[in-house]
PDB file of N, CA and C in Angstrom:
ATOM      1  N   MET A   1     108.706  60.297  88.291  1.00  0.00           N
ATOM      2  CA  MET A   1     108.591  61.755  88.291  1.00  0.00           C
ATOM      3  C   MET A   1     107.113  62.121  88.157  1.00  0.00           C
ATOM      4  N   SER A   2     106.651  63.025  88.972  1.00  0.00           N
ATOM      5  CA  SER A   2     105.245  63.415  88.908  1.00  0.00           C
ATOM      6  C   SER A   2     104.976  64.217  87.630  1.00  0.00           C
ATOM      7  N   TYR A   3     103.727  64.237  87.217  1.00  0.00           N
ATOM      8  CA  TYR A   3     103.368  64.968  85.996  1.00  0.00           C
ATOM      9  C   TYR A   3     103.696  66.446  86.139  1.00  0.00           C
ATOM     10  N   LYS A   4     103.521  67.022  87.345  1.00  0.00           N
ATOM     11  CA  LYS A   4     103.774  68.445  87.554  1.00  0.00           C
ATOM     12  C   LYS A   4     105.253  68.763  87.378  1.00  0.00           C
ATOM     13  N   ILE A   5     106.106  67.976  87.980  1.00  0.00           N
ATOM     14  CA  ILE A   5     107.551  68.194  87.854  1.00  0.00           C
ATOM     15  C   ILE A   5     107.976  68.016  86.402  1.00  0.00           C
ATOM     16  N   LYS A   6     107.441  67.009  85.736  1.00  0.00           N
ATOM     17  CA  LYS A   6     107.782  66.770  84.330  1.00  0.00           C
ATOM     18  C   LYS A   6     107.333  67.941  83.459  1.00  0.00           C
ATOM     19  N   LEU A   7     106.132  68.451  83.701  1.00  0.00           N
ATOM     20  CA  LEU A   7     105.614  69.571  82.910  1.00  0.00           C
ATOM     21  C   LEU A   7     106.478  70.816  83.106  1.00  0.00           C
ATOM     22  N   VAL A   8     106.818  71.132  84.358  1.00  0.00           N
ATOM     23  CA  VAL A   8     107.659  72.301  84.637  1.00  0.00           C
ATOM     24  C   VAL A   8     109.018  72.139  83.956  1.00  0.00           C
ATOM     25  N   THR A   9     109.603  70.962  84.038  1.00  0.00           N
ATOM     26  CA  THR A   9     110.895  70.701  83.406  1.00  0.00           C
ATOM     27  C   THR A   9     110.812  70.896  81.893  1.00  0.00           C
ATOM     28  N   GLU A  10     109.756  70.399  81.275  1.00  0.00           N
ATOM     29  CA  GLU A  10     109.578  70.553  79.830  1.00  0.00           C
ATOM     30  C   GLU A  10     109.410  72.018  79.446  1.00  0.00           C
ATOM     31  N   ILE A  11     108.610  72.754  80.197  1.00  0.00           N
ATOM     32  CA  ILE A  11     108.386  74.169  79.897  1.00  0.00           C
ATOM     33  C   ILE A  11     109.677  74.960  80.061  1.00  0.00           C
ATOM     34  N   GLU A  12     110.360  74.760  81.172  1.00  0.00           N
ATOM     35  CA  GLU A  12     111.574  75.529  81.451  1.00  0.00           C
ATOM     36  C   GLU A  12     112.717  75.215  80.497  1.00  0.00           C
ATOM     37  N   SER A  13     112.693  74.061  79.854  1.00  0.00           N
ATOM     38  CA  SER A  13     113.764  73.713  78.919  1.00  0.00           C
ATOM     39  C   SER A  13     113.417  74.025  77.460  1.00  0.00           C
ATOM     40  N   CYS A  14     112.255  74.613  77.226  1.00  0.00           N
ATOM     41  CA  CYS A  14     111.823  74.923  75.866  1.00  0.00           C
ATOM     42  C   CYS A  14     112.713  75.995  75.226  1.00  0.00           C
ATOM     43  N   VAL A  15     113.136  75.752  74.007  1.00  0.00           N
ATOM     44  CA  VAL A  15     113.945  76.714  73.251  1.00  0.00           C
ATOM     45  C   VAL A  15     113.372  76.920  71.845  1.00  0.00           C
ATOM     46  N   ALA A  16     112.069  76.684  71.684  1.00  0.00           N
ATOM     47  CA  ALA A  16     111.426  76.749  70.371  1.00  0.00           C
ATOM     48  C   ALA A  16     111.611  78.096  69.671  1.00  0.00           C
ATOM     49  N   CYS A  17     111.664  79.181  70.432  1.00  0.00           N
ATOM     50  CA  CYS A  17     111.759  80.509  69.814  1.00  0.00           C
ATOM     51  C   CYS A  17     113.160  81.122  69.958  1.00  0.00           C
ATOM     52  N   LYS A  18     114.151  80.314  70.223  1.00  0.00           N
ATOM     53  CA  LYS A  18     115.518  80.769  70.487  1.00  0.00           C
ATOM     54  C   LYS A  18     116.060  81.711  69.408  1.00  0.00           C
ATOM     55  N   LYS A  19     115.813  81.390  68.158  1.00  0.00           N
ATOM     56  CA  LYS A  19     116.370  82.197  67.061  1.00  0.00           C
ATOM     57  C   LYS A  19     115.742  83.586  66.953  1.00  0.00           C
ATOM     58  N   GLN A  20     114.545  83.749  67.489  1.00  0.00           N
ATOM     59  CA  GLN A  20     113.851  85.032  67.390  1.00  0.00           C
ATOM     60  C   GLN A  20     114.066  85.941  68.607  1.00  0.00           C
ATOM     61  N   LEU A  21     114.770  85.480  69.617  1.00  0.00           N
ATOM     62  CA  LEU A  21     114.919  86.247  70.855  1.00  0.00           C
ATOM     63  C   LEU A  21     116.286  86.911  70.966  1.00  0.00           C
ATOM     64  N   PRO A  22     116.327  88.116  71.544  1.00  0.00           N
ATOM     65  CA  PRO A  22     117.609  88.785  71.732  1.00  0.00           C
ATOM     66  C   PRO A  22     118.415  88.171  72.885  1.00  0.00           C
ATOM     67  N   LEU A  23     117.736  87.555  73.852  1.00  0.00           N
ATOM     68  CA  LEU A  23     118.380  86.874  74.976  1.00  0.00           C
ATOM     69  C   LEU A  23     118.047  85.392  74.895  1.00  0.00           C
ATOM     70  N   LYS A  24     118.739  84.580  75.682  1.00  0.00           N
ATOM     71  CA  LYS A  24     118.424  83.147  75.662  1.00  0.00           C
ATOM     72  C   LYS A  24     117.007  82.921  76.199  1.00  0.00           C
ATOM     73  N   PRO A  25     116.315  81.903  75.703  1.00  0.00           N
ATOM     74  CA  PRO A  25     114.966  81.624  76.176  1.00  0.00           C
ATOM     75  C   PRO A  25     114.977  81.315  77.679  1.00  0.00           C
ATOM     76  N   ARG A  26     113.995  81.836  78.383  1.00  0.00           N
ATOM     77  CA  ARG A  26     113.823  81.533  79.802  1.00  0.00           C
ATOM     78  C   ARG A  26     112.335  81.558  80.135  1.00  0.00           C
ATOM     79  N   PRO A  27     111.622  80.486  79.805  1.00  0.00           N
ATOM     80  CA  PRO A  27     110.210  80.436  80.156  1.00  0.00           C
ATOM     81  C   PRO A  27     110.042  80.542  81.673  1.00  0.00           C
ATOM     82  N   VAL A  28     109.146  81.410  82.106  1.00  0.00           N
ATOM     83  CA  VAL A  28     108.886  81.625  83.525  1.00  0.00           C
ATOM     84  C   VAL A  28     107.453  81.208  83.808  1.00  0.00           C
ATOM     85  N   VAL A  29     107.275  80.238  84.698  1.00  0.00           N
ATOM     86  CA  VAL A  29     105.942  79.727  84.994  1.00  0.00           C
ATOM     87  C   VAL A  29     105.717  79.633  86.494  1.00  0.00           C
ATOM     88  N   SER A  30     104.463  79.673  86.866  1.00  0.00           N
ATOM     89  CA  SER A  30     104.054  79.476  88.247  1.00  0.00           C
ATOM     90  C   SER A  30     102.639  78.930  88.214  1.00  0.00           C
ATOM     91  N   PHE A  31     102.429  77.787  88.827  1.00  0.00           N
ATOM     92  CA  PHE A  31     101.081  77.235  88.847  1.00  0.00           C
ATOM     93  C   PHE A  31     100.900  76.304  90.034  1.00  0.00           C
ATOM     94  N   SER A  32      99.646  75.970  90.283  1.00  0.00           N
ATOM     95  CA  SER A  32      99.286  75.089  91.384  1.00  0.00           C
ATOM     96  C   SER A  32      98.194  74.138  90.916  1.00  0.00           C
ATOM     97  N   SER A  33      98.227  72.932  91.419  1.00  0.00           N
ATOM     98  CA  SER A  33      97.193  71.965  91.040  1.00  0.00           C
ATOM     99  C   SER A  33      95.821  72.347  91.595  1.00  0.00           C
ATOM    100  N   SER A  34      95.782  73.275  92.561  1.00  0.00           N
ATOM    101  CA  SER A  34      94.491  73.698  93.112  1.00  0.00           C
ATOM    102  C   SER A  34      93.938  74.950  92.426  1.00  0.00           C
ATOM    103  N   SER A  35      94.660  75.466  91.436  1.00  0.00           N
ATOM    104  CA  SER A  35      94.194  76.657  90.721  1.00  0.00           C
ATOM    105  C   SER A  35      92.923  76.362  89.938  1.00  0.00           C
ATOM    106  N   LYS A  36      92.022  77.343  89.912  1.00  0.00           N
ATOM    107  CA  LYS A  36      90.785  77.191  89.161  1.00  0.00           C
ATOM    108  C   LYS A  36      90.787  78.000  87.881  1.00  0.00           C
ATOM    109  N   ILE A  37      91.765  78.880  87.728  1.00  0.00           N
ATOM    110  CA  ILE A  37      91.888  79.665  86.504  1.00  0.00           C
ATOM    111  C   ILE A  37      93.338  79.618  86.043  1.00  0.00           C
ATOM    112  N   ILE A  38      93.547  80.016  84.806  1.00  0.00           N
ATOM    113  CA  ILE A  38      94.893  80.093  84.264  1.00  0.00           C
ATOM    114  C   ILE A  38      95.086  81.478  83.649  1.00  0.00           C
ATOM    115  N   ILE A  39      96.204  82.074  83.935  1.00  0.00           N
ATOM    116  CA  ILE A  39      96.558  83.359  83.344  1.00  0.00           C
ATOM    117  C   ILE A  39      97.833  83.133  82.557  1.00  0.00           C
ATOM    118  N   ILE A  40      97.800  83.484  81.302  1.00  0.00           N
ATOM    119  CA  ILE A  40      98.955  83.280  80.444  1.00  0.00           C
ATOM    120  C   ILE A  40      99.422  84.635  79.953  1.00  0.00           C
ATOM    121  N   GLY A  41     100.664  84.942  80.242  1.00  0.00           N
ATOM    122  CA  GLY A  41     101.246  86.196  79.781  1.00  0.00           C
ATOM    123  C   GLY A  41     102.260  85.903  78.691  1.00  0.00           C
ATOM    124  N   GLN A  42     102.605  86.912  77.964  1.00  0.00           N
ATOM    125  CA  GLN A  42     103.552  86.731  76.870  1.00  0.00           C
ATOM    126  C   GLN A  42     104.650  87.769  76.979  1.00  0.00           C
ATOM    127  N   ALA A  43     105.842  87.373  76.652  1.00  0.00           N
ATOM    128  CA  ALA A  43     106.989  88.264  76.546  1.00  0.00           C
ATOM    129  C   ALA A  43     107.222  89.111  77.796  1.00  0.00           C
ATOM    130  N   PRO A  44     107.617  88.469  78.897  1.00  0.00           N
ATOM    131  CA  PRO A  44     107.931  89.264  80.083  1.00  0.00           C
ATOM    132  C   PRO A  44     109.128  90.162  79.815  1.00  0.00           C
ATOM    133  N   GLY A  45     109.221  91.229  80.567  1.00  0.00           N
ATOM    134  CA  GLY A  45     110.316  92.163  80.384  1.00  0.00           C
ATOM    135  C   GLY A  45     111.626  91.640  80.951  1.00  0.00           C
ATOM    136  N   LEU A  46     112.644  92.466  80.865  1.00  0.00           N
ATOM    137  CA  LEU A  46     113.985  92.094  81.300  1.00  0.00           C
ATOM    138  C   LEU A  46     114.043  91.784  82.796  1.00  0.00           C
ATOM    139  N   LYS A  47     113.259  92.498  83.603  1.00  0.00           N
ATOM    140  CA  LYS A  47     113.268  92.265  85.049  1.00  0.00           C
ATOM    141  C   LYS A  47     112.815  90.837  85.371  1.00  0.00           C
ATOM    142  N   VAL A  48     111.737  90.390  84.761  1.00  0.00           N
ATOM    143  CA  VAL A  48     111.252  89.022  84.979  1.00  0.00           C
ATOM    144  C   VAL A  48     112.234  88.019  84.385  1.00  0.00           C
ATOM    145  N   HIS A  49     112.783  88.334  83.238  1.00  0.00           N
ATOM    146  CA  HIS A  49     113.755  87.436  82.613  1.00  0.00           C
ATOM    147  C   HIS A  49     114.937  87.206  83.550  1.00  0.00           C
ATOM    148  N   LYS A  50     115.406  88.273  84.193  1.00  0.00           N
ATOM    149  CA  LYS A  50     116.555  88.159  85.103  1.00  0.00           C
ATOM    150  C   LYS A  50     116.195  87.463  86.414  1.00  0.00           C
ATOM    151  N   SER A  51     115.029  87.788  86.987  1.00  0.00           N
ATOM    152  CA  SER A  51     114.664  87.240  88.297  1.00  0.00           C
ATOM    153  C   SER A  51     114.082  85.836  88.215  1.00  0.00           C
ATOM    154  N   GLY A  52     113.382  85.532  87.107  1.00  0.00           N
ATOM    155  CA  GLY A  52     112.720  84.244  86.991  1.00  0.00           C
ATOM    156  C   GLY A  52     111.442  84.155  87.807  1.00  0.00           C
ATOM    157  N   VAL A  53     110.965  85.299  88.303  1.00  0.00           N
ATOM    158  CA  VAL A  53     109.755  85.352  89.126  1.00  0.00           C
ATOM    159  C   VAL A  53     108.606  85.916  88.291  1.00  0.00           C
ATOM    160  N   THR A  54     107.514  85.163  88.195  1.00  0.00           N
ATOM    161  CA  THR A  54     106.375  85.623  87.399  1.00  0.00           C
ATOM    162  C   THR A  54     105.816  86.925  87.946  1.00  0.00           C
ATOM    163  N   TRP A  55     105.421  87.811  87.059  1.00  0.00           N
ATOM    164  CA  TRP A  55     104.790  89.089  87.377  1.00  0.00           C
ATOM    165  C   TRP A  55     105.680  89.975  88.261  1.00  0.00           C
ATOM    166  N   ASP A  56     106.998  89.823  88.172  1.00  0.00           N
ATOM    167  CA  ASP A  56     107.943  90.611  88.972  1.00  0.00           C
ATOM    168  C   ASP A  56     108.325  91.894  88.224  1.00  0.00           C
ATOM    169  N   ASP A  57     107.321  92.575  87.731  1.00  0.00           N
ATOM    170  CA  ASP A  57     107.543  93.819  87.011  1.00  0.00           C
ATOM    171  C   ASP A  57     106.272  94.665  87.124  1.00  0.00           C
ATOM    172  N   ALA A  58     106.161  95.701  86.336  1.00  0.00           N
ATOM    173  CA  ALA A  58     104.992  96.587  86.417  1.00  0.00           C
ATOM    174  C   ALA A  58     103.672  95.828  86.156  1.00  0.00           C
ATOM    175  N   SER A  59     103.708  94.783  85.334  1.00  0.00           N
ATOM    176  CA  SER A  59     102.467  94.042  85.064  1.00  0.00           C
ATOM    177  C   SER A  59     101.940  93.367  86.318  1.00  0.00           C
ATOM    178  N   GLY A  60     102.802  93.060  87.278  1.00  0.00           N
ATOM    179  CA  GLY A  60     102.372  92.435  88.521  1.00  0.00           C
ATOM    180  C   GLY A  60     101.715  93.419  89.478  1.00  0.00           C
ATOM    181  N   GLU A  61     101.827  94.701  89.194  1.00  0.00           N
ATOM    182  CA  GLU A  61     101.227  95.715  90.041  1.00  0.00           C
ATOM    183  C   GLU A  61      99.824  96.098  89.578  1.00  0.00           C
ATOM    184  N   ARG A  62      99.456  95.659  88.357  1.00  0.00           N
ATOM    185  CA  ARG A  62      98.134  95.993  87.818  1.00  0.00           C
ATOM    186  C   ARG A  62      97.148  94.901  88.117  1.00  0.00           C
TER     187      ARG A  62
END
């Protein structure tokens, strides 16, 4: 398994904050090995939680 696939699998299966969330944990990530910067967001809204698509809400329009 490549490091990228393993990392995505580990992130997407994380439940560290399960007890503090009103919905089940659903880490949403998007990255590329050719990226030169990293943008980290916190607490996406319900729209992103449902779609699983990063920045699929008002924050993606700014």
